N, C-alpha and C. Protein backbone atom coordinates (compact mmCIF):
# COMPACT_ATOMS: atom_id res chain seq x y z
N MET A 1 0.82 -1.15 -0.07
CA MET A 1 0.06 -0.06 0.22
C MET A 1 0.81 1.39 -0.13
N ARG A 2 0.24 2.49 -1.06
CA ARG A 2 1.05 3.11 -1.14
C ARG A 2 0.82 4.34 0.70
N ASP A 3 1.41 4.99 0.98
CA ASP A 3 0.88 6.50 1.82
C ASP A 3 -0.10 6.62 2.27
N SER A 4 -1.07 7.52 0.73
CA SER A 4 -2.16 7.57 0.23
C SER A 4 -3.25 7.06 0.85
N GLY A 5 -3.09 5.65 1.17
CA GLY A 5 -4.04 4.94 1.20
C GLY A 5 -4.60 3.87 0.09
N HIS A 6 -3.68 4.87 -1.26
CA HIS A 6 -4.92 4.05 -2.44
C HIS A 6 -3.87 2.73 -2.85
N GLU A 7 -4.42 1.58 -3.48
CA GLU A 7 -3.43 0.36 -3.95
C GLU A 7 -2.74 0.67 -4.86
N ALA A 8 -1.55 -0.58 -4.56
CA ALA A 8 -0.64 -0.16 -5.77
C ALA A 8 0.25 -1.72 -5.47
N ILE A 9 0.77 -2.14 -7.24
CA ILE A 9 1.48 -2.68 -7.14
C ILE A 9 2.95 -2.57 -6.46
N VAL A 10 3.18 -3.21 -5.64
CA VAL A 10 5.04 -3.23 -4.90
C VAL A 10 5.51 -4.26 -5.72
N VAL A 11 6.55 -3.49 -6.52
CA VAL A 11 8.28 -4.52 -6.81
C VAL A 11 9.18 -3.73 -5.53
N ARG A 12 9.30 -4.87 -5.85
CA ARG A 12 10.74 -4.39 -5.50
C ARG A 12 12.29 -5.63 -5.58
N GLY A 13 13.07 -4.94 -5.68
CA GLY A 13 14.46 -6.13 -6.62
C GLY A 13 13.95 -6.51 -8.04
N ALA A 14 13.32 -5.40 -8.34
CA ALA A 14 13.27 -6.37 -9.77
C ALA A 14 14.56 -6.68 -10.81
N ARG A 15 15.31 -7.19 -10.86
CA ARG A 15 16.41 -7.58 -11.62
C ARG A 15 16.14 -8.39 -13.08
N GLN A 16 14.96 -8.56 -13.61
CA GLN A 16 14.85 -9.06 -14.80
C GLN A 16 15.40 -8.66 -15.78
N ASN A 17 16.25 -9.65 -16.67
CA ASN A 17 17.05 -9.10 -17.75
C ASN A 17 17.90 -7.85 -17.71
N ASN A 18 17.93 -6.54 -18.25
CA ASN A 18 18.54 -5.62 -18.25
C ASN A 18 18.09 -4.54 -17.14
N LEU A 19 16.74 -4.87 -15.97
CA LEU A 19 16.43 -4.30 -14.86
C LEU A 19 17.43 -4.19 -13.61
N LYS A 20 17.84 -3.12 -13.60
CA LYS A 20 19.23 -3.06 -11.75
C LYS A 20 18.11 -2.73 -11.02
N ASN A 21 17.94 -4.11 -10.05
CA ASN A 21 17.24 -3.75 -8.61
C ASN A 21 16.67 -2.71 -8.69
N LEU A 22 15.09 -2.98 -9.60
CA LEU A 22 14.29 -1.69 -9.38
C LEU A 22 13.60 -1.94 -8.19
N ASP A 23 13.15 -0.87 -7.78
CA ASP A 23 11.75 -0.79 -6.70
C ASP A 23 10.98 0.79 -7.63
N LEU A 24 9.68 -0.25 -7.46
CA LEU A 24 8.46 0.98 -7.52
C LEU A 24 7.45 0.58 -7.19
N GLU A 25 6.21 1.55 -7.21
CA GLU A 25 4.94 1.20 -6.68
C GLU A 25 4.34 1.90 -7.81
N ILE A 26 3.63 0.96 -8.51
CA ILE A 26 2.71 1.24 -9.65
C ILE A 26 0.91 1.35 -9.02
N PRO A 27 0.23 2.28 -9.31
CA PRO A 27 -1.11 2.51 -8.42
C PRO A 27 -2.21 1.85 -9.55
N THR A 28 -2.72 1.16 -8.90
CA THR A 28 -3.73 0.59 -9.65
C THR A 28 -5.14 1.07 -9.63
N GLY A 29 -5.79 0.62 -10.38
CA GLY A 29 -7.15 1.28 -10.72
C GLY A 29 -7.40 2.42 -11.37
N GLU A 30 -5.96 3.32 -12.29
CA GLU A 30 -5.35 4.11 -13.51
C GLU A 30 -4.83 3.64 -14.36
N LEU A 31 -4.91 4.26 -15.29
CA LEU A 31 -4.35 4.17 -16.46
C LEU A 31 -2.73 4.47 -16.44
N VAL A 32 -1.61 3.69 -16.11
CA VAL A 32 -0.21 4.33 -16.28
C VAL A 32 0.47 3.33 -17.54
N VAL A 33 1.07 4.61 -18.11
CA VAL A 33 2.09 4.10 -19.21
C VAL A 33 3.80 4.08 -18.72
N VAL A 34 4.23 3.32 -19.19
CA VAL A 34 5.56 3.06 -19.12
C VAL A 34 6.41 2.90 -20.82
N THR A 35 6.78 4.28 -20.33
CA THR A 35 7.78 4.53 -21.47
C THR A 35 9.11 4.91 -21.50
N GLY A 36 9.78 5.27 -22.30
CA GLY A 36 11.61 5.04 -22.38
C GLY A 36 12.01 4.46 -23.57
N VAL A 37 13.66 5.02 -23.80
CA VAL A 37 14.33 4.84 -24.77
C VAL A 37 14.55 2.95 -25.10
N SER A 38 14.49 3.02 -26.17
CA SER A 38 15.10 1.28 -26.88
C SER A 38 16.16 0.72 -25.99
N GLY A 39 15.84 0.23 -24.56
CA GLY A 39 16.92 -0.77 -24.26
C GLY A 39 16.82 -0.70 -22.64
N SER A 40 15.42 0.39 -22.65
CA SER A 40 15.64 1.09 -20.74
C SER A 40 14.83 0.23 -19.81
N GLY A 41 14.75 -1.04 -20.59
CA GLY A 41 14.11 -2.24 -19.62
C GLY A 41 12.52 -2.23 -19.82
N LYS A 42 11.67 -1.10 -20.52
CA LYS A 42 10.12 -1.48 -21.00
C LYS A 42 9.02 -2.98 -20.39
N SER A 43 9.45 -3.57 -21.70
CA SER A 43 9.48 -4.87 -21.95
C SER A 43 9.80 -5.90 -20.89
N SER A 44 10.89 -5.90 -19.97
CA SER A 44 11.56 -6.33 -19.27
C SER A 44 10.76 -6.33 -18.04
N LEU A 45 10.19 -5.04 -17.71
CA LEU A 45 9.45 -4.88 -16.11
C LEU A 45 7.67 -5.08 -16.48
N VAL A 46 7.41 -4.90 -17.83
CA VAL A 46 5.78 -4.70 -18.54
C VAL A 46 5.31 -6.27 -18.22
N PHE A 47 5.90 -6.91 -19.32
CA PHE A 47 5.96 -8.50 -19.90
C PHE A 47 7.10 -9.28 -19.18
N ASP A 48 7.84 -9.45 -18.95
CA ASP A 48 9.11 -10.41 -18.56
C ASP A 48 8.50 -10.60 -16.80
N THR A 49 8.30 -9.11 -16.14
CA THR A 49 8.19 -9.37 -14.50
C THR A 49 6.71 -8.95 -14.36
N LEU A 50 6.14 -7.81 -14.47
CA LEU A 50 4.48 -7.71 -14.35
C LEU A 50 3.84 -9.00 -14.95
N TYR A 51 3.19 -9.05 -16.01
CA TYR A 51 3.01 -9.94 -16.71
C TYR A 51 3.06 -11.10 -15.92
N ALA A 52 4.57 -11.57 -16.22
CA ALA A 52 4.66 -12.85 -15.65
C ALA A 52 4.84 -13.08 -14.45
N GLU A 53 4.44 -12.23 -13.70
CA GLU A 53 3.84 -12.83 -12.14
C GLU A 53 2.41 -12.59 -12.09
N GLY A 54 1.98 -11.98 -12.71
CA GLY A 54 0.32 -11.69 -12.64
C GLY A 54 -0.26 -13.23 -13.25
N GLN A 55 0.05 -13.14 -14.24
CA GLN A 55 0.02 -14.77 -15.06
C GLN A 55 0.42 -15.85 -14.29
N ARG A 56 1.65 -15.62 -13.66
CA ARG A 56 1.76 -17.06 -12.78
C ARG A 56 0.91 -17.62 -11.59
N ARG A 57 0.60 -16.43 -11.17
CA ARG A 57 0.03 -16.19 -9.51
C ARG A 57 -1.55 -16.53 -10.11
N TYR A 58 -2.03 -16.48 -11.46
CA TYR A 58 -3.29 -16.51 -11.99
C TYR A 58 -3.54 -17.90 -12.20
N VAL A 59 -2.37 -18.74 -12.53
CA VAL A 59 -2.97 -19.84 -12.89
C VAL A 59 -2.89 -20.50 -11.87
N GLU A 60 -1.81 -20.39 -11.05
CA GLU A 60 -1.59 -21.21 -9.58
C GLU A 60 -3.09 -21.31 -9.02
N THR A 61 -4.08 -20.33 -9.03
CA THR A 61 -5.30 -20.81 -8.99
C THR A 61 -5.86 -21.60 -9.32
N PHE A 62 -5.65 -22.16 -10.21
CA PHE A 62 -6.49 -23.56 -10.72
C PHE A 62 -6.03 -24.60 -10.50
N SER A 63 -6.94 -25.59 -10.65
CA SER A 63 -6.45 -26.78 -10.32
C SER A 63 -5.02 -27.64 -10.78
N PRO A 64 -4.59 -28.25 -9.85
CA PRO A 64 -3.72 -29.21 -10.95
C PRO A 64 -3.88 -29.88 -12.15
N TYR A 65 -5.15 -30.03 -12.11
CA TYR A 65 -5.73 -31.00 -13.47
C TYR A 65 -5.80 -29.59 -14.29
N ALA A 66 -6.30 -28.72 -14.38
CA ALA A 66 -6.29 -27.76 -15.59
C ALA A 66 -4.98 -26.81 -15.90
N ARG A 67 -3.95 -26.60 -14.77
CA ARG A 67 -2.57 -26.27 -14.91
C ARG A 67 -1.83 -27.18 -16.17
N GLN A 68 -2.12 -28.34 -15.93
CA GLN A 68 -1.25 -29.05 -17.03
C GLN A 68 -1.63 -28.85 -18.26
N PHE A 69 -2.48 -28.40 -18.69
CA PHE A 69 -3.09 -27.85 -20.12
C PHE A 69 -2.64 -26.51 -20.31
N LEU A 70 -2.12 -25.64 -19.58
CA LEU A 70 -1.68 -24.43 -19.68
C LEU A 70 -0.39 -24.16 -19.59
N ASP A 71 0.42 -23.15 -20.40
CA ASP A 71 1.84 -23.11 -20.37
C ASP A 71 2.05 -22.35 -18.76
N ARG A 72 3.35 -22.72 -18.69
CA ARG A 72 4.03 -22.17 -17.24
C ARG A 72 4.57 -21.03 -17.59
N MET A 73 4.34 -20.07 -16.76
CA MET A 73 5.77 -18.85 -16.90
C MET A 73 6.92 -19.00 -15.96
N ASP A 74 7.76 -18.61 -16.13
CA ASP A 74 8.86 -18.70 -15.29
C ASP A 74 8.83 -17.81 -14.09
N LYS A 75 9.47 -17.75 -12.78
CA LYS A 75 9.24 -16.75 -11.76
C LYS A 75 10.12 -15.96 -12.43
N PRO A 76 9.60 -14.44 -12.31
CA PRO A 76 10.87 -13.37 -12.80
C PRO A 76 11.53 -13.48 -11.26
N ALA A 77 12.53 -12.82 -12.36
CA ALA A 77 14.48 -12.52 -11.14
C ALA A 77 13.55 -11.07 -10.37
N VAL A 78 13.10 -10.99 -8.96
CA VAL A 78 12.36 -10.25 -8.24
C VAL A 78 12.28 -10.42 -6.96
N ASP A 79 12.59 -9.43 -5.86
CA ASP A 79 12.89 -10.20 -4.42
C ASP A 79 11.57 -9.86 -4.26
N ARG A 80 10.54 -8.97 -4.54
CA ARG A 80 9.17 -9.29 -3.96
C ARG A 80 8.15 -8.14 -4.80
N ILE A 81 6.78 -9.18 -5.03
CA ILE A 81 5.83 -8.40 -5.59
C ILE A 81 4.55 -8.34 -5.01
N GLU A 82 4.02 -7.13 -4.55
CA GLU A 82 2.83 -7.30 -3.97
C GLU A 82 1.59 -6.77 -4.50
N GLY A 83 0.12 -7.19 -4.27
CA GLY A 83 -0.78 -6.29 -4.81
C GLY A 83 -0.68 -6.64 -6.16
N ILE A 84 -0.49 -7.02 -6.58
CA ILE A 84 -0.42 -7.80 -8.46
C ILE A 84 -1.87 -8.58 -9.14
N PRO A 85 -2.74 -8.11 -9.80
CA PRO A 85 -3.62 -8.72 -9.85
C PRO A 85 -3.42 -9.69 -11.03
N PRO A 86 -4.55 -10.58 -11.11
CA PRO A 86 -4.44 -11.46 -12.59
C PRO A 86 -4.53 -10.74 -13.71
N ALA A 87 -3.10 -11.08 -14.79
CA ALA A 87 -2.94 -10.09 -15.86
C ALA A 87 -3.20 -10.58 -17.35
N ILE A 88 -3.27 -10.01 -18.29
CA ILE A 88 -3.76 -10.98 -19.48
C ILE A 88 -2.37 -9.57 -20.40
N ALA A 89 -2.12 -10.31 -21.55
CA ALA A 89 -0.83 -9.21 -22.16
C ALA A 89 -1.43 -9.52 -23.83
N ILE A 90 -0.47 -8.39 -24.50
CA ILE A 90 -1.19 -8.47 -26.15
C ILE A 90 0.02 -8.51 -26.56
N ASP A 91 0.60 -9.46 -27.44
CA ASP A 91 1.82 -9.37 -28.22
C ASP A 91 1.58 -7.96 -28.98
N GLN A 92 2.99 -7.28 -29.15
CA GLN A 92 3.08 -6.23 -30.04
C GLN A 92 2.69 -6.63 -31.46
N THR A 93 2.87 -7.58 -31.96
CA THR A 93 2.76 -7.85 -33.22
C THR A 93 1.62 -8.51 -33.28
N ASN A 94 0.68 -8.27 -34.08
CA ASN A 94 -0.62 -8.62 -34.25
C ASN A 94 -0.80 -9.95 -34.63
N PRO A 95 -1.04 -10.74 -34.71
CA PRO A 95 -1.30 -11.68 -35.52
C PRO A 95 -2.20 -12.00 -36.38
N VAL A 96 -3.44 -11.16 -36.47
CA VAL A 96 -4.46 -10.64 -37.28
C VAL A 96 -4.86 -9.52 -37.46
N ARG A 97 -4.10 -9.27 -38.79
CA ARG A 97 -4.30 -8.04 -38.85
C ARG A 97 -5.52 -7.63 -40.08
N THR A 98 -6.55 -7.17 -39.54
CA THR A 98 -7.67 -6.86 -40.34
C THR A 98 -8.18 -5.23 -39.73
N SER A 99 -8.73 -4.31 -40.51
CA SER A 99 -8.75 -2.71 -39.98
C SER A 99 -9.64 -2.91 -38.88
N ARG A 100 -10.46 -4.23 -38.39
CA ARG A 100 -10.78 -3.97 -36.97
C ARG A 100 -10.40 -4.58 -36.05
N SER A 101 -9.69 -4.84 -36.20
CA SER A 101 -8.82 -5.70 -35.00
C SER A 101 -8.40 -4.55 -34.29
N THR A 102 -8.70 -4.92 -32.88
CA THR A 102 -7.76 -3.65 -31.75
C THR A 102 -7.74 -4.10 -30.47
N VAL A 103 -7.12 -3.78 -29.40
CA VAL A 103 -6.81 -4.61 -28.12
C VAL A 103 -8.51 -4.95 -27.91
N GLY A 104 -9.16 -4.17 -28.01
CA GLY A 104 -10.89 -4.70 -27.34
C GLY A 104 -10.86 -5.94 -27.73
N THR A 105 -10.74 -6.40 -29.29
CA THR A 105 -11.08 -7.46 -29.98
C THR A 105 -10.34 -8.49 -29.68
N MET A 106 -9.29 -7.94 -29.21
CA MET A 106 -8.18 -9.51 -29.54
C MET A 106 -8.68 -9.57 -27.85
N THR A 107 -8.74 -8.98 -26.61
CA THR A 107 -8.88 -9.53 -25.49
C THR A 107 -10.10 -9.84 -25.37
N GLU A 108 -11.43 -9.60 -25.91
CA GLU A 108 -12.50 -10.17 -25.81
C GLU A 108 -13.17 -9.09 -24.87
N LEU A 109 -12.84 -7.58 -24.66
CA LEU A 109 -12.96 -6.94 -23.64
C LEU A 109 -13.81 -5.70 -24.31
N ASN A 110 -13.91 -5.68 -25.89
CA ASN A 110 -14.82 -4.70 -26.30
C ASN A 110 -16.76 -4.84 -25.52
N ASP A 111 -17.01 -5.76 -25.53
CA ASP A 111 -18.10 -5.40 -24.90
C ASP A 111 -18.19 -5.08 -23.56
N HIS A 112 -17.32 -5.54 -22.92
CA HIS A 112 -17.41 -4.83 -21.64
C HIS A 112 -17.22 -3.34 -21.18
N LEU A 113 -16.03 -3.33 -22.20
CA LEU A 113 -15.58 -1.58 -22.41
C LEU A 113 -16.87 -0.59 -23.09
N LYS A 114 -17.58 -1.37 -23.44
CA LYS A 114 -18.96 -0.08 -24.38
C LYS A 114 -19.75 -0.46 -22.76
N LEU A 115 -19.64 -1.44 -22.48
CA LEU A 115 -21.15 -1.19 -20.78
C LEU A 115 -20.66 -0.43 -19.95
N LEU A 116 -19.27 -0.37 -19.18
CA LEU A 116 -18.43 0.70 -18.96
C LEU A 116 -18.67 1.99 -19.12
N PHE A 117 -18.29 2.28 -20.15
CA PHE A 117 -18.70 3.56 -20.87
C PHE A 117 -19.96 3.92 -20.94
N ALA A 118 -21.00 3.38 -21.08
CA ALA A 118 -21.99 3.56 -21.33
C ALA A 118 -23.27 3.63 -20.10
N ARG A 119 -22.51 3.17 -18.74
CA ARG A 119 -23.31 2.87 -17.42
C ARG A 119 -22.46 3.92 -16.15
N GLY A 120 -21.52 3.97 -16.80
CA GLY A 120 -19.76 4.40 -15.73
C GLY A 120 -19.56 5.70 -15.75
N ALA A 121 -19.90 6.54 -17.36
CA ALA A 121 -19.43 7.43 -17.66
C ALA A 121 -20.66 8.90 -17.29
N HIS A 122 -19.97 9.89 -17.24
CA HIS A 122 -20.90 11.10 -16.96
C HIS A 122 -20.60 11.66 -17.73
N LEU A 123 -21.52 12.75 -19.03
CA LEU A 123 -21.58 13.06 -19.91
C LEU A 123 -21.57 14.72 -19.84
N HIS A 124 -21.41 15.42 -20.47
CA HIS A 124 -21.14 17.00 -20.04
C HIS A 124 -21.42 17.59 -21.51
N CYS A 125 -22.50 18.39 -21.38
CA CYS A 125 -22.31 19.36 -22.79
C CYS A 125 -21.56 19.85 -23.22
N ARG A 126 -20.96 19.82 -24.51
CA ARG A 126 -19.67 20.26 -24.92
C ARG A 126 -19.54 21.55 -24.87
N ARG A 127 -20.65 22.65 -25.14
CA ARG A 127 -21.49 23.71 -25.13
C ARG A 127 -20.82 23.98 -23.89
N CYS A 128 -21.75 23.93 -22.93
CA CYS A 128 -21.65 24.56 -21.64
C CYS A 128 -21.03 24.10 -20.47
N GLY A 129 -20.70 22.57 -21.00
CA GLY A 129 -20.21 22.17 -19.56
C GLY A 129 -20.90 21.22 -18.41
N ASP A 130 -22.18 21.67 -18.69
CA ASP A 130 -23.22 21.28 -17.64
C ASP A 130 -23.39 19.53 -17.74
N LEU A 131 -23.68 18.77 -16.79
CA LEU A 131 -23.81 17.32 -16.83
C LEU A 131 -25.24 17.07 -17.23
N VAL A 132 -24.72 16.02 -18.22
CA VAL A 132 -26.29 15.88 -19.35
C VAL A 132 -26.90 14.71 -18.25
N ARG A 133 -28.37 14.90 -17.94
CA ARG A 133 -28.87 13.63 -17.49
C ARG A 133 -30.14 12.95 -18.11
N ARG A 134 -30.24 11.93 -17.62
CA ARG A 134 -31.50 11.78 -18.27
C ARG A 134 -32.85 11.33 -17.80
N ASP A 135 -33.73 12.57 -18.89
CA ASP A 135 -34.89 13.03 -18.19
C ASP A 135 -36.23 11.93 -18.36
N SER A 136 -37.51 11.92 -17.54
CA SER A 136 -38.49 11.79 -17.43
C SER A 136 -39.40 12.48 -17.77
N PRO A 137 -40.77 11.72 -18.24
CA PRO A 137 -41.98 12.81 -18.54
C PRO A 137 -41.95 13.38 -17.17
N GLU A 138 -41.65 12.59 -16.36
CA GLU A 138 -42.59 13.40 -14.61
C GLU A 138 -40.99 14.46 -14.76
N SER A 139 -39.95 14.48 -14.76
CA SER A 139 -38.46 15.16 -14.41
C SER A 139 -39.21 16.38 -15.44
N ILE A 140 -39.42 16.04 -16.90
CA ILE A 140 -39.71 17.44 -17.51
C ILE A 140 -40.62 18.23 -17.50
N GLN A 141 -41.69 17.40 -16.73
CA GLN A 141 -43.08 18.28 -16.34
C GLN A 141 -42.53 19.43 -15.13
N GLY A 142 -41.71 18.61 -14.22
CA GLY A 142 -41.50 19.34 -13.00
C GLY A 142 -40.38 20.60 -13.67
N ASP A 143 -39.75 20.11 -14.45
CA ASP A 143 -38.93 21.55 -14.51
C ASP A 143 -39.92 22.90 -15.61
N LEU A 144 -40.59 22.23 -16.51
CA LEU A 144 -41.87 23.36 -16.77
C LEU A 144 -42.17 23.71 -16.14
N LEU A 145 -42.79 23.19 -15.03
CA LEU A 145 -43.89 23.80 -14.14
C LEU A 145 -42.59 25.07 -13.12
N ARG A 146 -41.79 24.61 -13.09
CA ARG A 146 -40.83 25.30 -11.99
C ARG A 146 -40.38 26.66 -13.05
N ARG A 147 -39.94 26.55 -14.17
CA ARG A 147 -40.18 27.85 -15.09
C ARG A 147 -41.39 28.25 -15.13
N ALA A 148 -42.33 28.02 -15.45
CA ALA A 148 -43.49 28.47 -15.51
C ALA A 148 -43.70 29.46 -14.37
N ALA A 149 -43.28 28.74 -13.23
CA ALA A 149 -43.83 29.36 -11.76
C ALA A 149 -42.80 30.78 -11.75
N ALA A 150 -41.60 30.25 -11.81
CA ALA A 150 -40.54 31.58 -12.20
C ALA A 150 -40.48 33.04 -12.49
N ALA A 151 -41.58 32.51 -13.64
CA ALA A 151 -41.93 33.46 -15.25
C ALA A 151 -43.37 34.36 -14.53
N GLY A 152 -43.66 33.67 -13.47
CA GLY A 152 -45.23 34.33 -13.30
C GLY A 152 -46.09 33.98 -14.32
N ASP A 153 -45.87 32.93 -14.84
CA ASP A 153 -47.51 32.61 -15.68
C ASP A 153 -47.46 31.01 -15.65
N PRO A 154 -48.34 30.68 -15.18
CA PRO A 154 -49.14 28.85 -15.14
C PRO A 154 -49.09 28.36 -16.27
N ARG A 155 -48.96 28.75 -17.51
CA ARG A 155 -49.31 28.58 -18.61
C ARG A 155 -48.00 27.71 -19.27
N VAL A 156 -48.14 26.81 -20.29
CA VAL A 156 -46.45 26.29 -20.77
C VAL A 156 -47.16 25.84 -22.08
N LEU A 157 -45.99 26.56 -23.02
CA LEU A 157 -46.41 26.08 -24.67
C LEU A 157 -45.04 25.66 -25.18
N ILE A 158 -45.41 24.61 -25.70
CA ILE A 158 -44.31 23.77 -26.04
C ILE A 158 -44.56 23.90 -27.47
N CYS A 159 -43.48 24.21 -28.40
CA CYS A 159 -43.35 24.53 -29.78
C CYS A 159 -42.62 23.68 -30.57
N PHE A 160 -42.65 23.04 -31.46
CA PHE A 160 -41.80 22.22 -32.79
C PHE A 160 -42.42 22.18 -33.76
N GLU A 161 -41.20 22.38 -34.65
CA GLU A 161 -41.14 22.29 -36.27
C GLU A 161 -41.68 21.26 -36.91
N VAL A 162 -42.75 21.23 -37.86
CA VAL A 162 -43.14 19.84 -38.36
C VAL A 162 -42.57 20.06 -40.02
N LYS A 163 -41.61 19.48 -40.72
CA LYS A 163 -41.42 19.30 -41.68
C LYS A 163 -42.38 18.64 -43.14
N VAL A 164 -42.31 19.32 -43.57
CA VAL A 164 -43.72 19.31 -44.61
C VAL A 164 -43.19 17.99 -45.69
N PRO A 165 -43.45 16.97 -45.65
CA PRO A 165 -43.09 15.96 -47.10
C PRO A 165 -43.57 16.36 -47.94
N LYS A 166 -42.61 16.21 -49.60
CA LYS A 166 -43.16 16.94 -50.39
C LYS A 166 -44.62 15.52 -50.85
N ASN A 167 -44.93 14.46 -50.79
CA ASN A 167 -45.75 14.11 -51.41
C ASN A 167 -46.99 14.68 -50.24
N PHE A 168 -46.81 15.71 -49.42
CA PHE A 168 -48.24 15.98 -48.77
C PHE A 168 -48.70 17.39 -48.96
N LYS A 169 -49.49 17.75 -48.62
CA LYS A 169 -50.00 19.71 -48.85
C LYS A 169 -50.20 19.75 -47.33
N ASP A 170 -49.99 21.43 -47.29
CA ASP A 170 -49.59 22.20 -45.84
C ASP A 170 -51.28 21.32 -45.12
N THR A 171 -52.13 21.75 -45.56
CA THR A 171 -53.29 21.53 -45.23
C THR A 171 -53.47 20.12 -44.80
N GLU A 172 -53.26 18.89 -45.48
CA GLU A 172 -53.38 17.78 -45.15
C GLU A 172 -52.59 17.47 -43.38
N VAL A 173 -51.25 17.90 -43.82
CA VAL A 173 -50.27 18.12 -42.46
C VAL A 173 -51.04 18.57 -41.31
N LEU A 174 -51.57 19.58 -41.55
CA LEU A 174 -52.74 20.44 -40.71
C LEU A 174 -53.87 19.65 -39.67
N GLY A 175 -54.27 18.71 -40.82
CA GLY A 175 -55.44 18.06 -40.42
C GLY A 175 -55.04 16.78 -39.82
N LEU A 176 -53.95 16.38 -39.88
CA LEU A 176 -53.09 15.13 -39.32
C LEU A 176 -53.18 15.41 -37.64
N LEU A 177 -52.26 16.39 -37.59
CA LEU A 177 -51.93 17.06 -36.68
C LEU A 177 -53.11 17.46 -35.41
N GLU A 178 -54.27 17.83 -36.47
CA GLU A 178 -55.47 18.19 -35.53
C GLU A 178 -55.92 16.92 -35.27
N LYS A 179 -55.99 15.80 -36.05
CA LYS A 179 -56.80 14.81 -35.41
C LYS A 179 -56.30 13.86 -33.80
N GLN A 180 -54.38 14.26 -34.32
CA GLN A 180 -53.71 13.94 -32.89
C GLN A 180 -53.77 14.37 -31.28
N GLY A 181 -54.83 15.60 -31.72
CA GLY A 181 -55.17 16.04 -30.55
C GLY A 181 -54.23 17.41 -30.36
N TYR A 182 -53.45 18.14 -31.72
CA TYR A 182 -52.94 19.35 -30.96
C TYR A 182 -53.39 20.33 -31.42
N THR A 183 -53.77 21.38 -30.81
CA THR A 183 -54.69 22.34 -30.55
C THR A 183 -54.78 23.64 -31.18
N ARG A 184 -53.02 23.78 -30.97
CA ARG A 184 -52.65 25.40 -31.35
C ARG A 184 -51.40 24.76 -32.35
N ILE A 185 -52.03 25.36 -33.70
CA ILE A 185 -51.31 25.06 -34.83
C ILE A 185 -51.06 26.46 -35.86
N ARG A 186 -49.66 26.48 -35.54
CA ARG A 186 -49.39 27.72 -36.01
C ARG A 186 -48.65 27.64 -37.49
N SER A 187 -49.37 27.87 -38.84
CA SER A 187 -48.78 27.75 -40.03
C SER A 187 -48.22 29.23 -40.28
N ARG A 188 -46.92 28.60 -41.58
CA ARG A 188 -46.25 29.65 -42.22
C ARG A 188 -47.45 30.27 -43.34
N SER A 189 -48.19 29.10 -43.78
CA SER A 189 -48.86 29.42 -45.27
C SER A 189 -50.06 30.55 -44.78
């Protein structure tokens, strides 16, 4: 655990490949990017140390019968790794080369990510920055009544434009709207 109380993956004494007794803490639940020049140990840290240990520990949770069918990963050269969750990794060279092949499709996480963004995201208006929320007929009615009361007039008038299809006359559309119960129809003609 880090001092701030957030969970982290704690690595102590990582010596895999060209890593030189590396100590670090990586926060979990956040997007973390590992960058550096060629040969700096990015792949040694991410694939050969973190992924290898996460995958190794995950496979250890299976029954001995199930483990016999899985590839075993060697324990990385590290003194200690704490707080590492199960891991998946994707090789940089994609064996499937299609325009629709992404990290999400390769890991089969696409549908889960769509749900996460649809349900967990907070949409904001790009014009004013206000939070966009789902309305119900009741919430719209309440908002309209509050606005009418603030304006000192209890009446509410909702207007909308109706495009007249080319194969209809204005009078035909007016007749259809009246049949649907619209009482005030304003026509430009």
